[in-house]
Amino acid sequence: MLQDSRYGDAAFLKYIEIFTLKKLLSKADKNYIFEVGKLFGDQIKLDKNELAGRKVDIWFPYAERLRILFQ
């Protein structure tokens, strides 16, 4: 750990991490395939207790505007 950010309001957490990723890059003829989907992991799975926990409906006032921006 380079800096633990425990002292002062302007302190930042700084650290170095070293890791190895296996089986993300494979060769296909002259090209390489990078399987970026494996970096994200599996989709979350909600059980019945988590599904029934929402008390307020989702309200999103500018959904149409965002849909246009992300097309």
PDB file of N, CA and C in Angstrom:
ATOM      1  N   MET A   1       0.844  -1.162   0.000  1.00  0.00           N
ATOM      2  CA  MET A   1       0.000   0.000   0.000  1.00  0.00           C
ATOM      3  C   MET A   1       0.897   1.235   0.000  1.00  0.00           C
ATOM      4  N   LEU A   2       0.611   2.132  -0.903  1.00  0.00           N
ATOM      5  CA  LEU A   2       1.411   3.339  -1.014  1.00  0.00           C
ATOM      6  C   LEU A   2       0.954   4.428  -0.043  1.00  0.00           C
ATOM      7  N   GLN A   3      -0.368   4.582   0.071  1.00  0.00           N
ATOM      8  CA  GLN A   3      -0.917   5.611   0.962  1.00  0.00           C
ATOM      9  C   GLN A   3      -2.269   5.108   1.464  1.00  0.00           C
ATOM     10  N   ASP A   4      -2.504   5.132   2.774  1.00  0.00           N
ATOM     11  CA  ASP A   4      -3.724   4.537   3.314  1.00  0.00           C
ATOM     12  C   ASP A   4      -4.885   5.517   3.483  1.00  0.00           C
ATOM     13  N   SER A   5      -4.704   6.773   3.246  1.00  0.00           N
ATOM     14  CA  SER A   5      -5.735   7.829   3.246  1.00  0.00           C
ATOM     15  C   SER A   5      -6.459   7.982   4.581  1.00  0.00           C
ATOM     16  N   ARG A   6      -5.812   7.647   5.670  1.00  0.00           N
ATOM     17  CA  ARG A   6      -6.470   7.774   6.972  1.00  0.00           C
ATOM     18  C   ARG A   6      -6.341   9.158   7.577  1.00  0.00           C
ATOM     19  N   TYR A   7      -5.381   9.937   7.146  1.00  0.00           N
ATOM     20  CA  TYR A   7      -5.126  11.223   7.786  1.00  0.00           C
ATOM     21  C   TYR A   7      -5.340  12.366   6.809  1.00  0.00           C
ATOM     22  N   GLY A   8      -6.157  13.332   7.180  1.00  0.00           N
ATOM     23  CA  GLY A   8      -6.383  14.514   6.360  1.00  0.00           C
ATOM     24  C   GLY A   8      -7.579  14.347   5.439  1.00  0.00           C
ATOM     25  N   ASP A   9      -8.214  15.464   5.138  1.00  0.00           N
ATOM     26  CA  ASP A   9      -9.387  15.439   4.266  1.00  0.00           C
ATOM     27  C   ASP A   9      -9.022  15.231   2.807  1.00  0.00           C
ATOM     28  N   ALA A  10      -7.856  15.646   2.385  1.00  0.00           N
ATOM     29  CA  ALA A  10      -7.458  15.552   0.983  1.00  0.00           C
ATOM     30  C   ALA A  10      -6.626  14.309   0.682  1.00  0.00           C
ATOM     31  N   ALA A  11      -6.540  13.386   1.615  1.00  0.00           N
ATOM     32  CA  ALA A  11      -5.729  12.188   1.403  1.00  0.00           C
ATOM     33  C   ALA A  11      -6.458  11.207   0.498  1.00  0.00           C
ATOM     34  N   PHE A  12      -5.720  10.551  -0.386  1.00  0.00           N
ATOM     35  CA  PHE A  12      -6.274   9.566  -1.309  1.00  0.00           C
ATOM     36  C   PHE A  12      -5.719   8.189  -0.985  1.00  0.00           C
ATOM     37  N   LEU A  13      -6.508   7.180  -1.249  1.00  0.00           N
ATOM     38  CA  LEU A  13      -6.054   5.806  -1.114  1.00  0.00           C
ATOM     39  C   LEU A  13      -5.265   5.443  -2.366  1.00  0.00           C
ATOM     40  N   LYS A  14      -4.025   5.018  -2.196  1.00  0.00           N
ATOM     41  CA  LYS A  14      -3.191   4.616  -3.320  1.00  0.00           C
ATOM     42  C   LYS A  14      -2.612   3.247  -3.026  1.00  0.00           C
ATOM     43  N   TYR A  15      -2.725   2.348  -3.996  1.00  0.00           N
ATOM     44  CA  TYR A  15      -2.173   1.008  -3.811  1.00  0.00           C
ATOM     45  C   TYR A  15      -1.747   0.432  -5.158  1.00  0.00           C
ATOM     46  N   ILE A  16      -0.964  -0.603  -5.113  1.00  0.00           N
ATOM     47  CA  ILE A  16      -0.511  -1.315  -6.308  1.00  0.00           C
ATOM     48  C   ILE A  16      -1.005  -2.753  -6.197  1.00  0.00           C
ATOM     49  N   GLU A  17      -1.554  -3.267  -7.284  1.00  0.00           N
ATOM     50  CA  GLU A  17      -2.020  -4.644  -7.299  1.00  0.00           C
ATOM     51  C   GLU A  17      -1.430  -5.341  -8.517  1.00  0.00           C
ATOM     52  N   ILE A  18      -0.914  -6.513  -8.316  1.00  0.00           N
ATOM     53  CA  ILE A  18      -0.339  -7.306  -9.400  1.00  0.00           C
ATOM     54  C   ILE A  18      -1.132  -8.602  -9.499  1.00  0.00           C
ATOM     55  N   PHE A  19      -1.626  -8.921 -10.696  1.00  0.00           N
ATOM     56  CA  PHE A  19      -2.400 -10.138 -10.874  1.00  0.00           C
ATOM     57  C   PHE A  19      -2.177 -10.681 -12.278  1.00  0.00           C
ATOM     58  N   THR A  20      -2.567 -11.922 -12.487  1.00  0.00           N
ATOM     59  CA  THR A  20      -2.416 -12.588 -13.770  1.00  0.00           C
ATOM     60  C   THR A  20      -3.787 -13.052 -14.250  1.00  0.00           C
ATOM     61  N   LEU A  21      -4.092 -12.785 -15.507  1.00  0.00           N
ATOM     62  CA  LEU A  21      -5.349 -13.223 -16.104  1.00  0.00           C
ATOM     63  C   LEU A  21      -5.040 -14.357 -17.076  1.00  0.00           C
ATOM     64  N   LYS A  22      -5.657 -15.503 -16.847  1.00  0.00           N
ATOM     65  CA  LYS A  22      -5.410 -16.652 -17.700  1.00  0.00           C
ATOM     66  C   LYS A  22      -6.594 -16.900 -18.619  1.00  0.00           C
ATOM     67  N   LYS A  23      -6.310 -17.421 -19.775  1.00  0.00           N
ATOM     68  CA  LYS A  23      -7.318 -17.850 -20.752  1.00  0.00           C
ATOM     69  C   LYS A  23      -8.211 -16.714 -21.227  1.00  0.00           C
ATOM     70  N   LEU A  24      -7.721 -15.497 -21.292  1.00  0.00           N
ATOM     71  CA  LEU A  24      -8.486 -14.387 -21.847  1.00  0.00           C
ATOM     72  C   LEU A  24      -8.069 -14.076 -23.282  1.00  0.00           C
ATOM     73  N   LEU A  25      -6.895 -14.496 -23.663  1.00  0.00           N
ATOM     74  CA  LEU A  25      -6.377 -14.201 -24.983  1.00  0.00           C
ATOM     75  C   LEU A  25      -6.076 -15.513 -25.688  1.00  0.00           C
ATOM     76  N   SER A  26      -6.634 -15.671 -26.872  1.00  0.00           N
ATOM     77  CA  SER A  26      -6.360 -16.878 -27.650  1.00  0.00           C
ATOM     78  C   SER A  26      -6.082 -16.480 -29.089  1.00  0.00           C
ATOM     79  N   LYS A  27      -5.363 -17.322 -29.782  1.00  0.00           N
ATOM     80  CA  LYS A  27      -4.979 -17.025 -31.161  1.00  0.00           C
ATOM     81  C   LYS A  27      -5.924 -17.744 -32.108  1.00  0.00           C
ATOM     82  N   ALA A  28      -6.397 -17.034 -33.112  1.00  0.00           N
ATOM     83  CA  ALA A  28      -7.266 -17.590 -34.146  1.00  0.00           C
ATOM     84  C   ALA A  28      -6.675 -17.208 -35.495  1.00  0.00           C
ATOM     85  N   ASP A  29      -5.895 -18.111 -36.075  1.00  0.00           N
ATOM     86  CA  ASP A  29      -5.193 -17.876 -37.340  1.00  0.00           C
ATOM     87  C   ASP A  29      -4.229 -16.704 -37.171  1.00  0.00           C
ATOM     88  N   LYS A  30      -4.414 -15.618 -37.906  1.00  0.00           N
ATOM     89  CA  LYS A  30      -3.527 -14.448 -37.768  1.00  0.00           C
ATOM     90  C   LYS A  30      -4.018 -13.471 -36.704  1.00  0.00           C
ATOM     91  N   ASN A  31      -5.220 -13.687 -36.197  1.00  0.00           N
ATOM     92  CA  ASN A  31      -5.846 -12.752 -35.264  1.00  0.00           C
ATOM     93  C   ASN A  31      -5.795 -13.276 -33.837  1.00  0.00           C
ATOM     94  N   TYR A  32      -6.058 -12.394 -32.896  1.00  0.00           N
ATOM     95  CA  TYR A  32      -6.165 -12.758 -31.497  1.00  0.00           C
ATOM     96  C   TYR A  32      -7.580 -12.459 -31.023  1.00  0.00           C
ATOM     97  N   ILE A  33      -8.092 -13.299 -30.140  1.00  0.00           N
ATOM     98  CA  ILE A  33      -9.420 -13.103 -29.560  1.00  0.00           C
ATOM     99  C   ILE A  33      -9.236 -12.774 -28.081  1.00  0.00           C
ATOM    100  N   PHE A  34      -9.739 -11.615 -27.688  1.00  0.00           N
ATOM    101  CA  PHE A  34      -9.689 -11.191 -26.294  1.00  0.00           C
ATOM    102  C   PHE A  34     -11.099 -11.315 -25.733  1.00  0.00           C
ATOM    103  N   GLU A  35     -11.300 -12.200 -24.781  1.00  0.00           N
ATOM    104  CA  GLU A  35     -12.623 -12.477 -24.229  1.00  0.00           C
ATOM    105  C   GLU A  35     -12.918 -11.527 -23.072  1.00  0.00           C
ATOM    106  N   VAL A  36     -13.363 -10.338 -23.416  1.00  0.00           N
ATOM    107  CA  VAL A  36     -13.591  -9.291 -22.431  1.00  0.00           C
ATOM    108  C   VAL A  36     -14.779  -9.614 -21.530  1.00  0.00           C
ATOM    109  N   GLY A  37     -15.711 -10.418 -21.969  1.00  0.00           N
ATOM    110  CA  GLY A  37     -16.866 -10.781 -21.159  1.00  0.00           C
ATOM    111  C   GLY A  37     -16.494 -11.519 -19.884  1.00  0.00           C
ATOM    112  N   LYS A  38     -15.363 -12.214 -19.884  1.00  0.00           N
ATOM    113  CA  LYS A  38     -14.924 -12.923 -18.690  1.00  0.00           C
ATOM    114  C   LYS A  38     -14.454 -11.974 -17.599  1.00  0.00           C
ATOM    115  N   LEU A  39     -14.126 -10.743 -17.945  1.00  0.00           N
ATOM    116  CA  LEU A  39     -13.714  -9.763 -16.945  1.00  0.00           C
ATOM    117  C   LEU A  39     -14.891  -9.291 -16.094  1.00  0.00           C
ATOM    118  N   PHE A  40     -16.089  -9.303 -16.665  1.00  0.00           N
ATOM    119  CA  PHE A  40     -17.267  -8.805 -15.962  1.00  0.00           C
ATOM    120  C   PHE A  40     -17.824  -9.809 -14.967  1.00  0.00           C
ATOM    121  N   GLY A  41     -17.651 -11.072 -15.209  1.00  0.00           N
ATOM    122  CA  GLY A  41     -18.188 -12.090 -14.316  1.00  0.00           C
ATOM    123  C   GLY A  41     -19.604 -12.473 -14.695  1.00  0.00           C
ATOM    124  N   ASP A  42     -20.225 -13.257 -13.834  1.00  0.00           N
ATOM    125  CA  ASP A  42     -21.576 -13.741 -14.086  1.00  0.00           C
ATOM    126  C   ASP A  42     -22.610 -12.674 -13.790  1.00  0.00           C
ATOM    127  N   GLN A  43     -23.784 -12.869 -14.355  1.00  0.00           N
ATOM    128  CA  GLN A  43     -24.908 -11.996 -14.079  1.00  0.00           C
ATOM    129  C   GLN A  43     -25.395 -12.273 -12.661  1.00  0.00           C
ATOM    130  N   ILE A  44     -25.856 -11.234 -11.972  1.00  0.00           N
ATOM    131  CA  ILE A  44     -26.318 -11.435 -10.595  1.00  0.00           C
ATOM    132  C   ILE A  44     -27.615 -12.237 -10.598  1.00  0.00           C
ATOM    133  N   LYS A  45     -27.816 -12.987  -9.533  1.00  0.00           N
ATOM    134  CA  LYS A  45     -29.030 -13.771  -9.370  1.00  0.00           C
ATOM    135  C   LYS A  45     -29.694 -13.327  -8.075  1.00  0.00           C
ATOM    136  N   LEU A  46     -30.946 -12.913  -8.177  1.00  0.00           N
ATOM    137  CA  LEU A  46     -31.692 -12.457  -7.017  1.00  0.00           C
ATOM    138  C   LEU A  46     -32.573 -13.583  -6.505  1.00  0.00           C
ATOM    139  N   ASP A  47     -32.608 -13.751  -5.188  1.00  0.00           N
ATOM    140  CA  ASP A  47     -33.523 -14.748  -4.631  1.00  0.00           C
ATOM    141  C   ASP A  47     -34.858 -14.081  -4.304  1.00  0.00           C
ATOM    142  N   LYS A  48     -35.825 -14.845  -3.845  1.00  0.00           N
ATOM    143  CA  LYS A  48     -37.176 -14.317  -3.604  1.00  0.00           C
ATOM    144  C   LYS A  48     -37.199 -13.234  -2.531  1.00  0.00           C
ATOM    145  N   ASN A  49     -36.315 -13.323  -1.552  1.00  0.00           N
ATOM    146  CA  ASN A  49     -36.279 -12.301  -0.500  1.00  0.00           C
ATOM    147  C   ASN A  49     -35.842 -10.953  -1.053  1.00  0.00           C
ATOM    148  N   GLU A  50     -34.914 -10.945  -1.971  1.00  0.00           N
ATOM    149  CA  GLU A  50     -34.444  -9.686  -2.557  1.00  0.00           C
ATOM    150  C   GLU A  50     -35.453  -9.108  -3.534  1.00  0.00           C
ATOM    151  N   LEU A  51     -36.202  -9.953  -4.221  1.00  0.00           N
ATOM    152  CA  LEU A  51     -37.206  -9.462  -5.163  1.00  0.00           C
ATOM    153  C   LEU A  51     -38.374  -8.787  -4.447  1.00  0.00           C
ATOM    154  N   ALA A  52     -38.745  -9.282  -3.296  1.00  0.00           N
ATOM    155  CA  ALA A  52     -39.883  -8.740  -2.563  1.00  0.00           C
ATOM    156  C   ALA A  52     -39.506  -7.531  -1.706  1.00  0.00           C
ATOM    157  N   GLY A  53     -38.236  -7.145  -1.664  1.00  0.00           N
ATOM    158  CA  GLY A  53     -37.790  -6.091  -0.768  1.00  0.00           C
ATOM    159  C   GLY A  53     -38.044  -4.674  -1.237  1.00  0.00           C
ATOM    160  N   ARG A  54     -38.384  -4.460  -2.508  1.00  0.00           N
ATOM    161  CA  ARG A  54     -38.553  -3.095  -2.999  1.00  0.00           C
ATOM    162  C   ARG A  54     -39.879  -2.514  -2.527  1.00  0.00           C
ATOM    163  N   LYS A  55     -39.823  -1.320  -1.946  1.00  0.00           N
ATOM    164  CA  LYS A  55     -41.026  -0.665  -1.421  1.00  0.00           C
ATOM    165  C   LYS A  55     -41.507   0.474  -2.313  1.00  0.00           C
ATOM    166  N   VAL A  56     -40.627   1.046  -3.133  1.00  0.00           N
ATOM    167  CA  VAL A  56     -40.949   2.196  -3.967  1.00  0.00           C
ATOM    168  C   VAL A  56     -40.683   1.831  -5.422  1.00  0.00           C
ATOM    169  N   ASP A  57     -41.585   2.240  -6.315  1.00  0.00           N
ATOM    170  CA  ASP A  57     -41.380   1.987  -7.732  1.00  0.00           C
ATOM    171  C   ASP A  57     -40.207   2.807  -8.259  1.00  0.00           C
ATOM    172  N   ILE A  58     -39.648   2.346  -9.345  1.00  0.00           N
ATOM    173  CA  ILE A  58     -38.544   3.072  -9.985  1.00  0.00           C
ATOM    174  C   ILE A  58     -39.131   4.221 -10.782  1.00  0.00           C
ATOM    175  N   TRP A  59     -38.581   5.403 -10.613  1.00  0.00           N
ATOM    176  CA  TRP A  59     -39.017   6.584 -11.344  1.00  0.00           C
ATOM    177  C   TRP A  59     -37.825   7.155 -12.076  1.00  0.00           C
ATOM    178  N   PHE A  60     -37.915   7.235 -13.386  1.00  0.00           N
ATOM    179  CA  PHE A  60     -36.809   7.707 -14.210  1.00  0.00           C
ATOM    180  C   PHE A  60     -37.349   8.779 -15.148  1.00  0.00           C
ATOM    181  N   PRO A  61     -37.162  10.065 -14.832  1.00  0.00           N
ATOM    182  CA  PRO A  61     -37.860  11.126 -15.545  1.00  0.00           C
ATOM    183  C   PRO A  61     -37.411  11.356 -16.986  1.00  0.00           C
ATOM    184  N   TYR A  62     -36.173  11.034 -17.338  1.00  0.00           N
ATOM    185  CA  TYR A  62     -35.675  11.366 -18.670  1.00  0.00           C
ATOM    186  C   TYR A  62     -35.250  10.121 -19.435  1.00  0.00           C
ATOM    187  N   ALA A  63     -36.013   9.048 -19.345  1.00  0.00           N
ATOM    188  CA  ALA A  63     -35.645   7.784 -19.986  1.00  0.00           C
ATOM    189  C   ALA A  63     -35.559   7.936 -21.506  1.00  0.00           C
ATOM    190  N   GLU A  64     -36.485   8.654 -22.112  1.00  0.00           N
ATOM    191  CA  GLU A  64     -36.473   8.810 -23.567  1.00  0.00           C
ATOM    192  C   GLU A  64     -35.236   9.577 -24.018  1.00  0.00           C
ATOM    193  N   ARG A  65     -34.850  10.568 -23.279  1.00  0.00           N
ATOM    194  CA  ARG A  65     -33.656  11.348 -23.624  1.00  0.00           C
ATOM    195  C   ARG A  65     -32.405  10.476 -23.563  1.00  0.00           C
ATOM    196  N   LEU A  66     -32.271   9.641 -22.533  1.00  0.00           N
ATOM    197  CA  LEU A  66     -31.110   8.764 -22.428  1.00  0.00           C
ATOM    198  C   LEU A  66     -31.112   7.688 -23.504  1.00  0.00           C
ATOM    199  N   ARG A  67     -32.288   7.208 -23.879  1.00  0.00           N
ATOM    200  CA  ARG A  67     -32.372   6.185 -24.930  1.00  0.00           C
ATOM    201  C   ARG A  67     -31.819   6.736 -26.234  1.00  0.00           C
ATOM    202  N   ILE A  68     -32.104   7.979 -26.516  1.00  0.00           N
ATOM    203  CA  ILE A  68     -31.616   8.608 -27.748  1.00  0.00           C
ATOM    204  C   ILE A  68     -30.111   8.785 -27.681  1.00  0.00           C
ATOM    205  N   LEU A  69     -29.580   9.156 -26.540  1.00  0.00           N
ATOM    206  CA  LEU A  69     -28.145   9.377 -26.405  1.00  0.00           C
ATOM    207  C   LEU A  69     -27.341   8.098 -26.553  1.00  0.00           C
ATOM    208  N   PHE A  70     -27.874   6.961 -26.113  1.00  0.00           N
ATOM    209  CA  PHE A  70     -27.122   5.726 -26.111  1.00  0.00           C
ATOM    210  C   PHE A  70     -27.420   4.816 -27.305  1.00  0.00           C
ATOM    211  N   GLN A  71     -28.056   5.311 -28.329  1.00  0.00           N
ATOM    212  CA  GLN A  71     -28.303   4.476 -29.517  1.00  0.00           C
ATOM    213  C   GLN A  71     -27.093   4.410 -30.391  1.00  0.00           C
TER     214      GLN A  71
END
